[in-house]
Protein backbone atom coordinates (compact mmCIF):
# COMPACT_ATOMS: atom_id res chain seq x y z
CA UNK A 1 0.00 0.00 0.00
CA UNK A 2 2.74 2.48 0.91
CA UNK A 3 4.74 1.56 -2.18
CA UNK A 4 1.75 2.31 -4.37
CA UNK A 5 1.31 5.71 -2.73
CA UNK A 6 5.02 6.44 -3.07
CA UNK A 7 4.89 5.64 -6.79
CA UNK A 8 1.91 7.95 -7.25
CA UNK A 9 3.57 10.78 -5.37
CA UNK A 10 6.79 10.32 -7.34
CA UNK A 11 4.83 10.34 -10.63
CA UNK A 12 2.98 13.48 -9.59
CA UNK A 13 6.26 15.20 -8.69
CA UNK A 14 7.83 14.28 -12.03
CA UNK A 15 4.75 15.51 -13.90
CA UNK A 16 4.86 18.77 -11.93
CA UNK A 17 8.51 19.38 -12.77
CA UNK A 18 7.91 18.66 -16.46
CA UNK A 19 4.98 21.07 -16.43
CA UNK A 20 7.08 23.82 -14.83
CA UNK A 21 9.90 23.18 -17.31
CA UNK A 22 7.63 23.30 -20.35
CA UNK A 23 5.85 26.45 -19.14
CA UNK A 24 9.20 28.12 -18.44
CA UNK A 25 10.49 27.32 -21.91
CA UNK A 26 7.23 28.50 -23.49
CA UNK A 27 7.37 31.79 -21.58
CA UNK A 28 11.01 32.38 -22.58
CA UNK A 29 10.17 31.78 -26.25
CA UNK A 30 7.27 34.22 -25.99
CA UNK A 31 9.46 36.82 -24.31
CA UNK A 32 12.13 36.56 -27.02
CA UNK A 33 9.41 36.88 -29.66
CA UNK A 34 8.09 40.04 -28.00
CA UNK A 35 11.60 41.48 -27.77
CA UNK A 36 12.19 40.74 -31.45
CA UNK A 37 8.91 42.39 -32.48
CA UNK A 38 9.56 45.45 -30.32
CA UNK A 39 13.09 45.88 -31.63
CA UNK A 40 11.83 45.85 -35.24
CA UNK A 41 9.14 48.46 -34.43
CA UNK A 42 6.71 47.78 -37.28
CA UNK A 43 4.29 50.51 -38.31
CA UNK A 44 1.21 48.59 -37.19
CA UNK A 45 2.68 48.25 -33.70
CA UNK A 46 3.43 51.95 -33.42
CA UNK A 47 -0.09 52.81 -34.51
CA UNK A 48 -1.51 50.85 -31.60
PDB file of N, CA and C in Angstrom:
ATOM      1  N   UNK A   1       0.820  -1.191   0.000  1.00  0.00           N
ATOM      2  CA  UNK A   1       0.000   0.000   0.000  1.00  0.00           C
ATOM      3  C   UNK A   1       0.868   1.261   0.000  1.00  0.00           C
ATOM      4  N   UNK A   2       1.865   1.308   0.854  1.00  0.00           N
ATOM      5  CA  UNK A   2       2.741   2.479   0.910  1.00  0.00           C
ATOM      6  C   UNK A   2       3.566   2.625  -0.363  1.00  0.00           C
ATOM      7  N   UNK A   3       3.954   1.495  -0.940  1.00  0.00           N
ATOM      8  CA  UNK A   3       4.741   1.558  -2.175  1.00  0.00           C
ATOM      9  C   UNK A   3       3.901   2.126  -3.315  1.00  0.00           C
ATOM     10  N   UNK A   4       2.641   1.771  -3.356  1.00  0.00           N
ATOM     11  CA  UNK A   4       1.745   2.308  -4.368  1.00  0.00           C
ATOM     12  C   UNK A   4       1.590   3.820  -4.207  1.00  0.00           C
ATOM     13  N   UNK A   5       1.426   4.274  -2.980  1.00  0.00           N
ATOM     14  CA  UNK A   5       1.309   5.708  -2.727  1.00  0.00           C
ATOM     15  C   UNK A   5       2.603   6.428  -3.076  1.00  0.00           C
ATOM     16  N   UNK A   6       3.732   5.830  -2.757  1.00  0.00           N
ATOM     17  CA  UNK A   6       5.024   6.443  -3.074  1.00  0.00           C
ATOM     18  C   UNK A   6       5.203   6.577  -4.583  1.00  0.00           C
ATOM     19  N   UNK A   7       4.783   5.563  -5.327  1.00  0.00           N
ATOM     20  CA  UNK A   7       4.888   5.639  -6.790  1.00  0.00           C
ATOM     21  C   UNK A   7       3.991   6.739  -7.346  1.00  0.00           C
ATOM     22  N   UNK A   8       2.812   6.888  -6.792  1.00  0.00           N
ATOM     23  CA  UNK A   8       1.907   7.945  -7.252  1.00  0.00           C
ATOM     24  C   UNK A   8       2.451   9.324  -6.939  1.00  0.00           C
ATOM     25  N   UNK A   9       3.002   9.485  -5.752  1.00  0.00           N
ATOM     26  CA  UNK A   9       3.570  10.781  -5.366  1.00  0.00           C
ATOM     27  C   UNK A   9       4.770  11.110  -6.240  1.00  0.00           C
ATOM     28  N   UNK A  10       5.613  10.113  -6.486  1.00  0.00           N
ATOM     29  CA  UNK A  10       6.786  10.323  -7.341  1.00  0.00           C
ATOM     30  C   UNK A  10       6.348  10.700  -8.756  1.00  0.00           C
ATOM     31  N   UNK A  11       5.339  10.033  -9.289  1.00  0.00           N
ATOM     32  CA  UNK A  11       4.830  10.340 -10.627  1.00  0.00           C
ATOM     33  C   UNK A  11       4.250  11.751 -10.683  1.00  0.00           C
ATOM     34  N   UNK A  12       3.542  12.135  -9.638  1.00  0.00           N
ATOM     35  CA  UNK A  12       2.982  13.482  -9.594  1.00  0.00           C
ATOM     36  C   UNK A  12       4.094  14.527  -9.529  1.00  0.00           C
ATOM     37  N   UNK A  13       5.139  14.261  -8.791  1.00  0.00           N
ATOM     38  CA  UNK A  13       6.257  15.200  -8.692  1.00  0.00           C
ATOM     39  C   UNK A  13       6.968  15.342 -10.034  1.00  0.00           C
ATOM     40  N   UNK A  14       7.178  14.232 -10.713  1.00  0.00           N
ATOM     41  CA  UNK A  14       7.827  14.279 -12.029  1.00  0.00           C
ATOM     42  C   UNK A  14       6.960  15.046 -13.015  1.00  0.00           C
ATOM     43  N   UNK A  15       5.661  14.791 -12.998  1.00  0.00           N
ATOM     44  CA  UNK A  15       4.753  15.509 -13.900  1.00  0.00           C
ATOM     45  C   UNK A  15       4.751  17.000 -13.588  1.00  0.00           C
ATOM     46  N   UNK A  16       4.811  17.360 -12.320  1.00  0.00           N
ATOM     47  CA  UNK A  16       4.859  18.770 -11.933  1.00  0.00           C
ATOM     48  C   UNK A  16       6.115  19.450 -12.434  1.00  0.00           C
ATOM     49  N   UNK A  17       7.263  18.785 -12.302  1.00  0.00           N
ATOM     50  CA  UNK A  17       8.505  19.375 -12.773  1.00  0.00           C
ATOM     51  C   UNK A  17       8.511  19.534 -14.285  1.00  0.00           C
ATOM     52  N   UNK A  18       7.982  18.533 -15.008  1.00  0.00           N
ATOM     53  CA  UNK A  18       7.911  18.656 -16.461  1.00  0.00           C
ATOM     54  C   UNK A  18       6.998  19.804 -16.863  1.00  0.00           C
ATOM     55  N   UNK A  19       5.908  19.978 -16.138  1.00  0.00           N
ATOM     56  CA  UNK A  19       4.984  21.073 -16.431  1.00  0.00           C
ATOM     57  C   UNK A  19       5.662  22.422 -16.216  1.00  0.00           C
ATOM     58  N   UNK A  20       6.366  22.565 -15.112  1.00  0.00           N
ATOM     59  CA  UNK A  20       7.076  23.819 -14.828  1.00  0.00           C
ATOM     60  C   UNK A  20       8.143  24.076 -15.886  1.00  0.00           C
ATOM     61  N   UNK A  21       8.860  23.033 -16.297  1.00  0.00           N
ATOM     62  CA  UNK A  21       9.905  23.184 -17.310  1.00  0.00           C
ATOM     63  C   UNK A  21       9.322  23.611 -18.651  1.00  0.00           C
ATOM     64  N   UNK A  22       8.248  22.974 -19.072  1.00  0.00           N
ATOM     65  CA  UNK A  22       7.631  23.304 -20.354  1.00  0.00           C
ATOM     66  C   UNK A  22       7.053  24.710 -20.330  1.00  0.00           C
ATOM     67  N   UNK A  23       6.392  25.089 -19.246  1.00  0.00           N
ATOM     68  CA  UNK A  23       5.849  26.445 -19.137  1.00  0.00           C
ATOM     69  C   UNK A  23       6.973  27.481 -19.143  1.00  0.00           C
ATOM     70  N   UNK A  24       8.057  27.191 -18.450  1.00  0.00           N
ATOM     71  CA  UNK A  24       9.197  28.115 -18.439  1.00  0.00           C
ATOM     72  C   UNK A  24       9.798  28.304 -19.819  1.00  0.00           C
ATOM     73  N   UNK A  25       9.956  27.217 -20.559  1.00  0.00           N
ATOM     74  CA  UNK A  25      10.490  27.315 -21.913  1.00  0.00           C
ATOM     75  C   UNK A  25       9.530  28.087 -22.814  1.00  0.00           C
ATOM     76  N   UNK A  26       8.240  27.798 -22.691  1.00  0.00           N
ATOM     77  CA  UNK A  26       7.235  28.496 -23.493  1.00  0.00           C
ATOM     78  C   UNK A  26       7.244  29.996 -23.201  1.00  0.00           C
ATOM     79  N   UNK A  27       7.361  30.375 -21.942  1.00  0.00           N
ATOM     80  CA  UNK A  27       7.374  31.793 -21.584  1.00  0.00           C
ATOM     81  C   UNK A  27       8.641  32.482 -22.092  1.00  0.00           C
ATOM     82  N   UNK A  28       9.777  31.790 -22.063  1.00  0.00           N
ATOM     83  CA  UNK A  28      11.005  32.378 -22.583  1.00  0.00           C
ATOM     84  C   UNK A  28      10.913  32.595 -24.089  1.00  0.00           C
ATOM     85  N   UNK A  29      10.330  31.636 -24.804  1.00  0.00           N
ATOM     86  CA  UNK A  29      10.166  31.783 -26.250  1.00  0.00           C
ATOM     87  C   UNK A  29       9.242  32.956 -26.552  1.00  0.00           C
ATOM     88  N   UNK A  30       8.160  33.089 -25.797  1.00  0.00           N
ATOM     89  CA  UNK A  30       7.267  34.224 -25.988  1.00  0.00           C
ATOM     90  C   UNK A  30       7.981  35.539 -25.712  1.00  0.00           C
ATOM     91  N   UNK A  31       8.767  35.578 -24.659  1.00  0.00           N
ATOM     92  CA  UNK A  31       9.462  36.818 -24.306  1.00  0.00           C
ATOM     93  C   UNK A  31      10.450  37.221 -25.395  1.00  0.00           C
ATOM     94  N   UNK A  32      11.197  36.246 -25.939  1.00  0.00           N
ATOM     95  CA  UNK A  32      12.132  36.560 -27.017  1.00  0.00           C
ATOM     96  C   UNK A  32      11.383  37.017 -28.268  1.00  0.00           C
ATOM     97  N   UNK A  33      10.218  36.449 -28.523  1.00  0.00           N
ATOM     98  CA  UNK A  33       9.406  36.878 -29.659  1.00  0.00           C
ATOM     99  C   UNK A  33       8.946  38.322 -29.473  1.00  0.00           C
ATOM    100  N   UNK A  34       8.510  38.670 -28.278  1.00  0.00           N
ATOM    101  CA  UNK A  34       8.085  40.043 -28.000  1.00  0.00           C
ATOM    102  C   UNK A  34       9.263  41.007 -28.137  1.00  0.00           C
ATOM    103  N   UNK A  35      10.418  40.621 -27.634  1.00  0.00           N
ATOM    104  CA  UNK A  35      11.597  41.479 -27.772  1.00  0.00           C
ATOM    105  C   UNK A  35      11.969  41.679 -29.233  1.00  0.00           C
ATOM    106  N   UNK A  36      11.863  40.629 -30.030  1.00  0.00           N
ATOM    107  CA  UNK A  36      12.189  40.743 -31.453  1.00  0.00           C
ATOM    108  C   UNK A  36      11.199  41.669 -32.155  1.00  0.00           C
ATOM    109  N   UNK A  37       9.922  41.531 -31.854  1.00  0.00           N
ATOM    110  CA  UNK A  37       8.911  42.389 -32.482  1.00  0.00           C
ATOM    111  C   UNK A  37       9.112  43.847 -32.062  1.00  0.00           C
ATOM    112  N   UNK A  38       9.390  44.076 -30.782  1.00  0.00           N
ATOM    113  CA  UNK A  38       9.561  45.454 -30.317  1.00  0.00           C
ATOM    114  C   UNK A  38      10.843  46.085 -30.847  1.00  0.00           C
ATOM    115  N   UNK A  39      11.858  45.298 -31.106  1.00  0.00           N
ATOM    116  CA  UNK A  39      13.093  45.877 -31.629  1.00  0.00           C
ATOM    117  C   UNK A  39      12.954  46.236 -33.107  1.00  0.00           C
ATOM    118  N   UNK A  40      12.058  45.531 -33.825  1.00  0.00           N
ATOM    119  CA  UNK A  40      11.831  45.852 -35.241  1.00  0.00           C
ATOM    120  C   UNK A  40      10.989  47.113 -35.374  1.00  0.00           C
ATOM    121  N   UNK A  41      10.055  47.315 -34.461  1.00  0.00           N
ATOM    122  CA  UNK A  41       9.143  48.462 -34.434  1.00  0.00           C
ATOM    123  C   UNK A  41       8.356  48.615 -35.750  1.00  0.00           C
ATOM    124  N   UNK A  42       7.518  47.647 -36.055  1.00  0.00           N
ATOM    125  CA  UNK A  42       6.714  47.779 -37.275  1.00  0.00           C
ATOM    126  C   UNK A  42       5.683  48.895 -37.148  1.00  0.00           C
ATOM    127  N   UNK A  43       5.209  49.372 -38.293  1.00  0.00           N
ATOM    128  CA  UNK A  43       4.287  50.510 -38.307  1.00  0.00           C
ATOM    129  C   UNK A  43       2.969  50.177 -37.635  1.00  0.00           C
ATOM    130  N   UNK A  44       2.484  48.966 -37.808  1.00  0.00           N
ATOM    131  CA  UNK A  44       1.208  48.595 -37.192  1.00  0.00           C
ATOM    132  C   UNK A  44       1.299  48.577 -35.681  1.00  0.00           C
ATOM    133  N   UNK A  45       2.497  48.258 -35.150  1.00  0.00           N
ATOM    134  CA  UNK A  45       2.676  48.247 -33.704  1.00  0.00           C
ATOM    135  C   UNK A  45       2.700  49.665 -33.153  1.00  0.00           C
ATOM    136  N   UNK A  46       3.359  50.561 -33.882  1.00  0.00           N
ATOM    137  CA  UNK A  46       3.434  51.947 -33.424  1.00  0.00           C
ATOM    138  C   UNK A  46       2.089  52.643 -33.489  1.00  0.00           C
ATOM    139  N   UNK A  47       1.225  52.200 -34.418  1.00  0.00           N
ATOM    140  CA  UNK A  47      -0.092  52.813 -34.515  1.00  0.00           C
ATOM    141  C   UNK A  47      -1.028  52.358 -33.396  1.00  0.00           C
ATOM    142  N   UNK A  48      -0.678  51.298 -32.698  1.00  0.00           N
ATOM    143  CA  UNK A  48      -1.509  50.850 -31.595  1.00  0.00           C
ATOM    144  C   UNK A  48      -1.375  51.823 -30.442  1.00  0.00           C
TER     145      UNK A  48
END
